[in-house]
Amino acid sequence: MAGIHNHSNSEAGLARRFWIKFTRESIFAMYTPFAIALASGNLNIDSFRHYIAQDVHFLRAFAQAYELAEDCADDDDAKLGISQ
């Protein structure tokens, strides 16, 4: 159980380091014209549809990458970790 706890802490540490390293980029992303229009409720419907269409392609590719990673995993524990 201690191994799981340590793994979780290292993931949290990694996530924190990335948030710190990419603070500028994350702030920029929050204040793009798209994000501001979406947050204010003024986003053009065609822009929103385009965004959703792009998101569908991304999510499909992401799911396929997970499936490929699971297929390439060396053992059952690794496969389980990927599928969770």
C-alpha atoms as a PDB file:
ATOM      1  CA  MET A   1       0.000   0.000   0.000  1.00  0.00           C
ATOM      2  CA  ALA A   2       2.879   2.361   0.725  1.00  0.00           C
ATOM      3  CA  GLY A   3       4.073   1.933  -2.876  1.00  0.00           C
ATOM      4  CA  ILE A   4       0.731   3.124  -4.178  1.00  0.00           C
ATOM      5  CA  HIS A   5       0.808   6.135  -1.865  1.00  0.00           C
ATOM      6  CA  ASN A   6       4.325   7.075  -2.982  1.00  0.00           C
ATOM      7  CA  HIS A   7       3.336   6.695  -6.639  1.00  0.00           C
ATOM      8  CA  SER A   8       0.392   9.026  -6.072  1.00  0.00           C
ATOM      9  CA  ASN A   9       2.649  11.601  -4.395  1.00  0.00           C
ATOM     10  CA  SER A  10       5.124  11.491  -7.281  1.00  0.00           C
ATOM     11  CA  GLU A  11       2.266  12.024  -9.753  1.00  0.00           C
ATOM     12  CA  ALA A  12       1.015  14.982  -7.732  1.00  0.00           C
ATOM     13  CA  GLY A  13       4.548  16.383  -7.638  1.00  0.00           C
ATOM     14  CA  LEU A  14       4.900  15.985 -11.380  1.00  0.00           C
ATOM     15  CA  ALA A  15       1.540  17.651 -12.031  1.00  0.00           C
ATOM     16  CA  ARG A  16       2.498  20.534  -9.744  1.00  0.00           C
ATOM     17  CA  ARG A  17       5.835  20.990 -11.500  1.00  0.00           C
ATOM     18  CA  PHE A  18       4.100  21.097 -14.884  1.00  0.00           C
ATOM     19  CA  TRP A  19       1.514  23.638 -13.679  1.00  0.00           C
ATOM     20  CA  ILE A  20       4.341  25.832 -12.383  1.00  0.00           C
ATOM     21  CA  LYS A  21       6.463  25.387 -15.508  1.00  0.00           C
ATOM     22  CA  PHE A  22       3.588  26.160 -17.863  1.00  0.00           C
ATOM     23  CA  THR A  23       1.805  28.882 -15.875  1.00  0.00           C
ATOM     24  CA  ARG A  24       2.211  31.399 -18.670  1.00  0.00           C
ATOM     25  CA  GLU A  25       0.706  29.056 -21.259  1.00  0.00           C
ATOM     26  CA  SER A  26      -2.219  28.103 -19.021  1.00  0.00           C
ATOM     27  CA  ILE A  27      -3.073  31.757 -18.349  1.00  0.00           C
ATOM     28  CA  PHE A  28      -2.833  32.534 -22.057  1.00  0.00           C
ATOM     29  CA  ALA A  29      -5.224  29.639 -22.816  1.00  0.00           C
ATOM     30  CA  MET A  30      -7.770  30.928 -20.293  1.00  0.00           C
ATOM     31  CA  TYR A  31      -7.869  34.347 -21.945  1.00  0.00           C
ATOM     32  CA  THR A  32      -8.086  33.464 -25.622  1.00  0.00           C
ATOM     33  CA  PRO A  33     -10.961  35.127 -27.490  1.00  0.00           C
ATOM     34  CA  PHE A  34     -12.611  31.698 -27.736  1.00  0.00           C
ATOM     35  CA  ALA A  35     -12.472  31.054 -23.978  1.00  0.00           C
ATOM     36  CA  ILE A  36     -13.673  34.550 -23.123  1.00  0.00           C
ATOM     37  CA  ALA A  37     -16.600  34.328 -25.563  1.00  0.00           C
ATOM     38  CA  LEU A  38     -17.510  30.868 -24.250  1.00  0.00           C
ATOM     39  CA  ALA A  39     -17.379  32.013 -20.613  1.00  0.00           C
ATOM     40  CA  SER A  40     -19.440  35.122 -21.302  1.00  0.00           C
ATOM     41  CA  GLY A  41     -22.070  33.266 -23.314  1.00  0.00           C
ATOM     42  CA  ASN A  42     -21.280  35.181 -26.489  1.00  0.00           C
ATOM     43  CA  LEU A  43     -19.619  32.435 -28.513  1.00  0.00           C
ATOM     44  CA  ASN A  44     -20.819  32.138 -32.094  1.00  0.00           C
ATOM     45  CA  ILE A  45     -22.667  28.835 -32.563  1.00  0.00           C
ATOM     46  CA  ASP A  46     -20.567  27.893 -35.613  1.00  0.00           C
ATOM     47  CA  SER A  47     -17.388  28.397 -33.588  1.00  0.00           C
ATOM     48  CA  PHE A  48     -18.806  26.170 -30.865  1.00  0.00           C
ATOM     49  CA  ARG A  49     -19.722  23.453 -33.391  1.00  0.00           C
ATOM     50  CA  HIS A  50     -16.216  23.591 -34.840  1.00  0.00           C
ATOM     51  CA  TYR A  51     -14.755  23.252 -31.333  1.00  0.00           C
ATOM     52  CA  ILE A  52     -16.934  20.211 -30.589  1.00  0.00           C
ATOM     53  CA  ALA A  53     -15.965  18.587 -33.900  1.00  0.00           C
ATOM     54  CA  GLN A  54     -12.264  19.062 -33.086  1.00  0.00           C
ATOM     55  CA  ASP A  55     -12.806  17.669 -29.601  1.00  0.00           C
ATOM     56  CA  VAL A  56     -14.424  14.525 -31.003  1.00  0.00           C
ATOM     57  CA  HIS A  57     -11.358  13.879 -33.180  1.00  0.00           C
ATOM     58  CA  PHE A  58      -9.027  14.446 -30.229  1.00  0.00           C
ATOM     59  CA  LEU A  59     -10.982  12.144 -27.913  1.00  0.00           C
ATOM     60  CA  ARG A  60     -11.094   9.370 -30.514  1.00  0.00           C
ATOM     61  CA  ALA A  61      -7.331   9.616 -31.022  1.00  0.00           C
ATOM     62  CA  PHE A  62      -6.787   9.651 -27.256  1.00  0.00           C
ATOM     63  CA  ALA A  63      -8.902   6.502 -26.798  1.00  0.00           C
ATOM     64  CA  GLN A  64      -7.022   4.785 -29.616  1.00  0.00           C
ATOM     65  CA  ALA A  65      -3.684   5.697 -28.019  1.00  0.00           C
ATOM     66  CA  TYR A  66      -4.812   4.138 -24.728  1.00  0.00           C
ATOM     67  CA  GLU A  67      -5.881   0.967 -26.532  1.00  0.00           C
ATOM     68  CA  LEU A  68      -2.506   0.760 -28.282  1.00  0.00           C
ATOM     69  CA  ALA A  69      -0.664   1.340 -25.010  1.00  0.00           C
ATOM     70  CA  GLU A  70      -2.664  -1.424 -23.362  1.00  0.00           C
ATOM     71  CA  ASP A  71      -1.882  -3.783 -26.256  1.00  0.00           C
ATOM     72  CA  CYS A  72       1.838  -3.004 -25.929  1.00  0.00           C
ATOM     73  CA  ALA A  73       1.982  -3.345 -22.137  1.00  0.00           C
ATOM     74  CA  ASP A  74       4.390  -5.979 -20.881  1.00  0.00           C
ATOM     75  CA  ASP A  75       2.294  -7.558 -18.144  1.00  0.00           C
ATOM     76  CA  ASP A  76      -1.176  -7.717 -16.650  1.00  0.00           C
ATOM     77  CA  ASP A  77      -0.399  -5.125 -13.946  1.00  0.00           C
ATOM     78  CA  ALA A  78       0.692  -2.607 -16.567  1.00  0.00           C
ATOM     79  CA  LYS A  79      -2.406  -3.326 -18.645  1.00  0.00           C
ATOM     80  CA  LEU A  80      -4.598  -2.846 -15.602  1.00  0.00           C
ATOM     81  CA  GLY A  81      -2.879   0.438 -14.770  1.00  0.00           C
ATOM     82  CA  ILE A  82      -3.469   1.728 -18.298  1.00  0.00           C
ATOM     83  CA  SER A  83      -7.109   0.654 -18.397  1.00  0.00           C
ATOM     84  CA  GLN A  84      -7.952   2.318 -15.089  1.00  0.00           C
END
